[in-house]
PDB file of all heavy atoms in Angstrom:
ATOM      1  N   THR A   1       6.695 -12.061  -6.230  1.00  0.00           N
ATOM      2  CA  THR A   1       7.847 -11.223  -5.815  1.00  0.00           C
ATOM      3  C   THR A   1       7.485  -9.860  -5.560  1.00  0.00           C
ATOM      4  O   THR A   1       6.409  -9.363  -6.025  1.00  0.00           O
ATOM      5  CB  THR A   1       9.030 -11.304  -6.938  1.00  0.00           C
ATOM      6  OG1 THR A   1       8.429 -10.667  -8.108  1.00  0.00           O
ATOM      7  CG2 THR A   1       9.333 -12.774  -7.189  1.00  0.00           C
ATOM      8  N   THR A   2       8.263  -9.098  -4.845  1.00  0.00           N
ATOM      9  CA  THR A   2       8.058  -7.719  -4.547  1.00  0.00           C
ATOM     10  C   THR A   2       9.312  -6.856  -4.832  1.00  0.00           C
ATOM     11  O   THR A   2      10.462  -7.376  -4.712  1.00  0.00           O
ATOM     12  CB  THR A   2       7.666  -7.514  -3.132  1.00  0.00           C
ATOM     13  OG1 THR A   2       8.665  -7.960  -2.239  1.00  0.00           O
ATOM     14  CG2 THR A   2       6.288  -8.251  -2.769  1.00  0.00           C
ATOM     15  N   ALA A   3       9.079  -5.701  -5.261  1.00  0.00           N
ATOM     16  CA  ALA A   3      10.185  -4.682  -5.483  1.00  0.00           C
ATOM     17  C   ALA A   3       9.678  -3.428  -4.884  1.00  0.00           C
ATOM     18  O   ALA A   3       9.018  -2.609  -5.605  1.00  0.00           O
ATOM     19  CB  ALA A   3      10.480  -4.614  -6.976  1.00  0.00           C
ATOM     20  N   LEU A   4       9.885  -3.071  -3.674  1.00  0.00           N
ATOM     21  CA  LEU A   4       9.325  -1.963  -2.887  1.00  0.00           C
ATOM     22  C   LEU A   4      10.283  -0.777  -2.871  1.00  0.00           C
ATOM     23  O   LEU A   4      11.484  -0.959  -2.390  1.00  0.00           O
ATOM     24  CB  LEU A   4       8.846  -2.479  -1.552  1.00  0.00           C
ATOM     25  CG  LEU A   4       8.023  -3.608  -1.568  1.00  0.00           C
ATOM     26  CD1 LEU A   4       7.597  -3.997  -0.170  1.00  0.00           C
ATOM     27  CD2 LEU A   4       6.762  -3.542  -2.438  1.00  0.00           C
ATOM     28  N   ALA A   5       9.915   0.407  -3.289  1.00  0.00           N
ATOM     29  CA  ALA A   5      10.799   1.490  -3.330  1.00  0.00           C
ATOM     30  C   ALA A   5      10.895   2.075  -1.861  1.00  0.00           C
ATOM     31  O   ALA A   5       9.983   2.039  -1.110  1.00  0.00           O
ATOM     32  CB  ALA A   5      10.193   2.633  -4.212  1.00  0.00           C
ATOM     33  N   GLY A   6      12.155   2.425  -1.520  1.00  0.00           N
ATOM     34  CA  GLY A   6      12.458   2.861  -0.135  1.00  0.00           C
ATOM     35  C   GLY A   6      11.994   4.280   0.029  1.00  0.00           C
ATOM     36  O   GLY A   6      11.994   4.785   1.241  1.00  0.00           O
ATOM     37  N   ASN A   7      11.782   5.111  -0.940  1.00  0.00           N
ATOM     38  CA  ASN A   7      11.435   6.562  -0.780  1.00  0.00           C
ATOM     39  C   ASN A   7       9.942   6.844  -1.072  1.00  0.00           C
ATOM     40  O   ASN A   7       9.581   7.980  -1.315  1.00  0.00           O
ATOM     41  CB  ASN A   7      12.275   7.346  -1.839  1.00  0.00           C
ATOM     42  CG  ASN A   7      11.968   6.923  -3.300  1.00  0.00           C
ATOM     43  OD1 ASN A   7      11.339   5.866  -3.458  1.00  0.00           O
ATOM     44  ND2 ASN A   7      12.286   7.869  -4.166  1.00  0.00           N
ATOM     45  N   CYS A   8       8.978   5.897  -0.789  1.00  0.00           N
ATOM     46  CA  CYS A   8       7.653   6.109  -0.935  1.00  0.00           C
ATOM     47  C   CYS A   8       7.109   7.155   0.048  1.00  0.00           C
ATOM     48  O   CYS A   8       7.413   7.094   1.220  1.00  0.00           O
ATOM     49  CB  CYS A   8       6.816   4.800  -0.704  1.00  0.00           C
ATOM     50  SG  CYS A   8       6.989   3.739  -2.187  1.00  0.00           S
ATOM     51  N   SER A   9       6.359   8.077  -0.422  1.00  0.00           N
ATOM     52  CA  SER A   9       5.724   9.109   0.385  1.00  0.00           C
ATOM     53  C   SER A   9       4.727   8.573   1.325  1.00  0.00           C
ATOM     54  O   SER A   9       4.166   7.500   0.961  1.00  0.00           O
ATOM     55  CB  SER A   9       5.135  10.203  -0.397  1.00  0.00           C
ATOM     56  OG  SER A   9       6.147  10.780  -1.328  1.00  0.00           O
ATOM     57  N   PRO A  10       4.558   9.118   2.449  1.00  0.00           N
ATOM     58  CA  PRO A  10       3.574   8.687   3.482  1.00  0.00           C
ATOM     59  C   PRO A  10       2.150   8.841   2.877  1.00  0.00           C
ATOM     60  O   PRO A  10       1.822   9.801   2.108  1.00  0.00           O
ATOM     61  CB  PRO A  10       3.715   9.450   4.629  1.00  0.00           C
ATOM     62  CG  PRO A  10       4.360  10.710   4.267  1.00  0.00           C
ATOM     63  CD  PRO A  10       5.294  10.357   3.068  1.00  0.00           C
ATOM     64  N   LEU A  11       1.107   8.004   3.259  1.00  0.00           N
ATOM     65  CA  LEU A  11      -0.196   8.115   2.947  1.00  0.00           C
ATOM     66  C   LEU A  11      -1.126   8.353   4.021  1.00  0.00           C
ATOM     67  O   LEU A  11      -0.845   7.804   5.170  1.00  0.00           O
ATOM     68  CB  LEU A  11      -0.624   6.766   2.149  1.00  0.00           C
ATOM     69  CG  LEU A  11      -0.003   6.366   0.858  1.00  0.00           C
ATOM     70  CD1 LEU A  11      -0.484   5.078   0.403  1.00  0.00           C
ATOM     71  CD2 LEU A  11      -0.167   7.502  -0.279  1.00  0.00           C
ATOM     72  N   LEU A  12      -2.179   9.044   3.827  1.00  0.00           N
ATOM     73  CA  LEU A  12      -3.340   9.170   4.731  1.00  0.00           C
ATOM     74  C   LEU A  12      -4.438   8.369   4.077  1.00  0.00           C
ATOM     75  O   LEU A  12      -5.133   8.945   3.298  1.00  0.00           O
ATOM     76  CB  LEU A  12      -3.628  10.560   5.066  1.00  0.00           C
ATOM     77  CG  LEU A  12      -2.931  11.281   6.133  1.00  0.00           C
ATOM     78  CD1 LEU A  12      -3.401  12.795   6.246  1.00  0.00           C
ATOM     79  CD2 LEU A  12      -2.915  10.532   7.390  1.00  0.00           C
ATOM     80  N   ALA A  13      -4.648   7.137   4.534  1.00  0.00           N
ATOM     81  CA  ALA A  13      -5.554   6.298   3.883  1.00  0.00           C
ATOM     82  C   ALA A  13      -6.193   5.314   4.861  1.00  0.00           C
ATOM     83  O   ALA A  13      -5.871   5.236   6.026  1.00  0.00           O
ATOM     84  CB  ALA A  13      -4.892   5.486   2.750  1.00  0.00           C
ATOM     85  N   ASP A  14      -7.153   4.511   4.445  1.00  0.00           N
ATOM     86  CA  ASP A  14      -7.814   3.515   5.170  1.00  0.00           C
ATOM     87  C   ASP A  14      -7.072   2.180   4.864  1.00  0.00           C
ATOM     88  O   ASP A  14      -7.166   1.714   3.813  1.00  0.00           O
ATOM     89  CB  ASP A  14      -9.337   3.369   4.766  1.00  0.00           C
ATOM     90  CG  ASP A  14     -10.137   2.484   5.666  1.00  0.00           C
ATOM     91  OD1 ASP A  14      -9.537   1.409   6.066  1.00  0.00           O
ATOM     92  OD2 ASP A  14     -11.220   2.836   6.022  1.00  0.00           O
ATOM     93  N   PRO A  15      -6.245   1.705   5.934  1.00  0.00           N
ATOM     94  CA  PRO A  15      -5.560   0.502   5.741  1.00  0.00           C
ATOM     95  C   PRO A  15      -6.337  -0.753   5.368  1.00  0.00           C
ATOM     96  O   PRO A  15      -5.885  -1.555   4.580  1.00  0.00           O
ATOM     97  CB  PRO A  15      -4.782   0.364   7.052  1.00  0.00           C
ATOM     98  CG  PRO A  15      -5.617   1.066   8.071  1.00  0.00           C
ATOM     99  CD  PRO A  15      -6.180   2.231   7.341  1.00  0.00           C
ATOM    100  N   GLN A  16      -7.530  -0.895   5.939  1.00  0.00           N
ATOM    101  CA  GLN A  16      -8.372  -2.033   5.628  1.00  0.00           C
ATOM    102  C   GLN A  16      -8.908  -2.063   4.109  1.00  0.00           C
ATOM    103  O   GLN A  16      -8.830  -3.068   3.460  1.00  0.00           O
ATOM    104  CB  GLN A  16      -9.567  -2.137   6.561  1.00  0.00           C
ATOM    105  CG  GLN A  16      -9.145  -2.416   7.940  1.00  0.00           C
ATOM    106  CD  GLN A  16     -10.381  -2.654   8.813  1.00  0.00           C
ATOM    107  OE1 GLN A  16     -11.518  -2.219   8.528  1.00  0.00           O
ATOM    108  NE2 GLN A  16     -10.175  -3.296  10.072  1.00  0.00           N
ATOM    109  N   LEU A  17      -9.343  -0.834   3.707  1.00  0.00           N
ATOM    110  CA  LEU A  17      -9.733  -0.743   2.299  1.00  0.00           C
ATOM    111  C   LEU A  17      -8.580  -0.899   1.313  1.00  0.00           C
ATOM    112  O   LEU A  17      -8.695  -1.587   0.357  1.00  0.00           O
ATOM    113  CB  LEU A  17     -10.353   0.627   2.180  1.00  0.00           C
ATOM    114  CG  LEU A  17     -11.741   0.958   2.797  1.00  0.00           C
ATOM    115  CD1 LEU A  17     -12.254   2.206   2.406  1.00  0.00           C
ATOM    116  CD2 LEU A  17     -12.732  -0.179   2.434  1.00  0.00           C
ATOM    117  N   LEU A  18      -7.372  -0.335   1.583  1.00  0.00           N
ATOM    118  CA  LEU A  18      -6.264  -0.473   0.734  1.00  0.00           C
ATOM    119  C   LEU A  18      -5.794  -1.934   0.774  1.00  0.00           C
ATOM    120  O   LEU A  18      -5.531  -2.532  -0.319  1.00  0.00           O
ATOM    121  CB  LEU A  18      -5.105   0.313   1.181  1.00  0.00           C
ATOM    122  CG  LEU A  18      -5.169   1.889   0.892  1.00  0.00           C
ATOM    123  CD1 LEU A  18      -3.833   2.481   1.112  1.00  0.00           C
ATOM    124  CD2 LEU A  18      -5.599   2.051  -0.546  1.00  0.00           C
ATOM    125  N   SER A  19      -5.793  -2.594   1.923  1.00  0.00           N
ATOM    126  CA  SER A  19      -5.498  -4.111   1.857  1.00  0.00           C
ATOM    127  C   SER A  19      -6.528  -4.886   0.965  1.00  0.00           C
ATOM    128  O   SER A  19      -6.175  -5.741   0.320  1.00  0.00           O
ATOM    129  CB  SER A  19      -5.596  -4.657   3.360  1.00  0.00           C
ATOM    130  OG  SER A  19      -4.588  -3.999   4.066  1.00  0.00           O
ATOM    131  N   ARG A  20      -7.746  -4.474   1.059  1.00  0.00           N
ATOM    132  CA  ARG A  20      -8.718  -5.130   0.251  1.00  0.00           C
ATOM    133  C   ARG A  20      -8.425  -4.959  -1.242  1.00  0.00           C
ATOM    134  O   ARG A  20      -8.587  -5.795  -2.037  1.00  0.00           O
ATOM    135  CB  ARG A  20     -10.200  -4.518   0.620  1.00  0.00           C
ATOM    136  CG  ARG A  20     -11.318  -5.197  -0.116  1.00  0.00           C
ATOM    137  CD  ARG A  20     -11.813  -6.354   0.718  1.00  0.00           C
ATOM    138  NE  ARG A  20     -11.974  -6.222   2.068  1.00  0.00           N
ATOM    139  CZ  ARG A  20     -12.864  -5.548   2.793  1.00  0.00           C
ATOM    140  NH1 ARG A  20     -13.801  -4.936   2.121  1.00  0.00           N
ATOM    141  NH2 ARG A  20     -12.861  -5.487   4.041  1.00  0.00           N
ATOM    142  N   ALA A  21      -8.140  -3.607  -1.600  1.00  0.00           N
ATOM    143  CA  ALA A  21      -7.935  -3.333  -3.003  1.00  0.00           C
ATOM    144  C   ALA A  21      -6.673  -4.052  -3.587  1.00  0.00           C
ATOM    145  O   ALA A  21      -6.722  -4.745  -4.599  1.00  0.00           O
ATOM    146  CB  ALA A  21      -7.759  -1.823  -3.177  1.00  0.00           C
ATOM    147  N   ILE A  22      -5.556  -4.045  -2.824  1.00  0.00           N
ATOM    148  CA  ILE A  22      -4.398  -4.710  -3.149  1.00  0.00           C
ATOM    149  C   ILE A  22      -4.513  -6.227  -3.174  1.00  0.00           C
ATOM    150  O   ILE A  22      -4.071  -6.940  -4.135  1.00  0.00           O
ATOM    151  CB  ILE A  22      -3.144  -4.280  -2.462  1.00  0.00           C
ATOM    152  CG1 ILE A  22      -2.940  -2.865  -2.501  1.00  0.00           C
ATOM    153  CG2 ILE A  22      -1.837  -5.050  -2.750  1.00  0.00           C
ATOM    154  CD1 ILE A  22      -1.816  -2.289  -1.538  1.00  0.00           C
ATOM    155  N   GLY A  23      -5.284  -6.687  -2.225  1.00  0.00           N
ATOM    156  CA  GLY A  23      -5.542  -8.157  -2.132  1.00  0.00           C
ATOM    157  C   GLY A  23      -6.337  -8.633  -3.369  1.00  0.00           C
ATOM    158  O   GLY A  23      -6.136  -9.682  -3.877  1.00  0.00           O
ATOM    159  N   ASN A  24      -7.401  -7.860  -3.702  1.00  0.00           N
ATOM    160  CA  ASN A  24      -8.134  -8.141  -4.913  1.00  0.00           C
ATOM    161  C   ASN A  24      -7.342  -8.240  -6.223  1.00  0.00           C
ATOM    162  O   ASN A  24      -7.544  -9.080  -6.988  1.00  0.00           O
ATOM    163  CB  ASN A  24      -9.370  -7.170  -5.074  1.00  0.00           C
ATOM    164  CG  ASN A  24     -10.441  -7.381  -4.059  1.00  0.00           C
ATOM    165  OD1 ASN A  24     -10.507  -8.379  -3.349  1.00  0.00           O
ATOM    166  ND2 ASN A  24     -11.435  -6.512  -4.059  1.00  0.00           N
TER     167      ASN A  24
END
């Protein structure tokens, strides 16, 4: 399940690396 906040601040990041981290 997910509970995602609607007021998250924007990020300047590498989407592929973040996907890898959250996926792991």
